[in-house]
């Protein structure tokens, strides 16, 4: 597995499990679940209540790295920002899903969706929409989006987003979306911020699961598929072209 930092300035790996029924929110269940997680993943050491009300357990933030697990009303989330290796993030997410059914009473019928998302950030100060269109326009639109409708027009928005079904029963979905963050204000003033261009690569398994399917096993399958598709599809068609256009500016 190639280290994902070879493809972008930084990356993150997130997991999201959405359930059909509300998840337990009582104090005893949450503390018992997070205690079990911490015993296996000692770097998750800080309990934190976010402004939106969900309770999270987090690592200490160091050099931009952060690991976390959060429990919302109908979602279980696990994230790794700038992990040392992709395997570190994958192992955390799989372990969380091994514990979740027992502590949170989740079974195959309760699974609405399970998402694995790998995000890649590229830093560029300038019109990020033009950079994305130059790199990816022909791939997503089949035409040149830089050709303006009138002379002197400025490209002020280009956010490619495409989803594929990977199997005949439309149960496993692959989504690629690109988010440039150049605002209208930045285009007007020439004052470009430091927010990156983000590429989001997500695999989703649509529920419910089959009776004997385990959450951790389903996620492991998504991880294997995602890693192969990053190498065979995302790098040559999205990450590579985007990196080359940025380097040429």
Foldseek 3Di string as FASTA:
>chain_A
DDFCCVQAVWKKKKKKWFWPAWWDDDPVLVVVLVVVLCVVVVQQPDWDQDPVGWIKTKGDQDPNWIWMWIHDGGMTMTMITRDPGVVVRLVSVLVSLVSCCVSGVDALQTTAKMKMKMKHWHWDFDQVQVLQQVLAVCVQPVDRPVPDPDPPDDDADDKGKDKDQPDPVSFKMKIKIKDDDQHPVCVVPVDGDGGTIMIMIMIMGGDRDPRPDGPSVVSVVVVVVVVVCCVPPCRVNPSVSSVVSRVVD
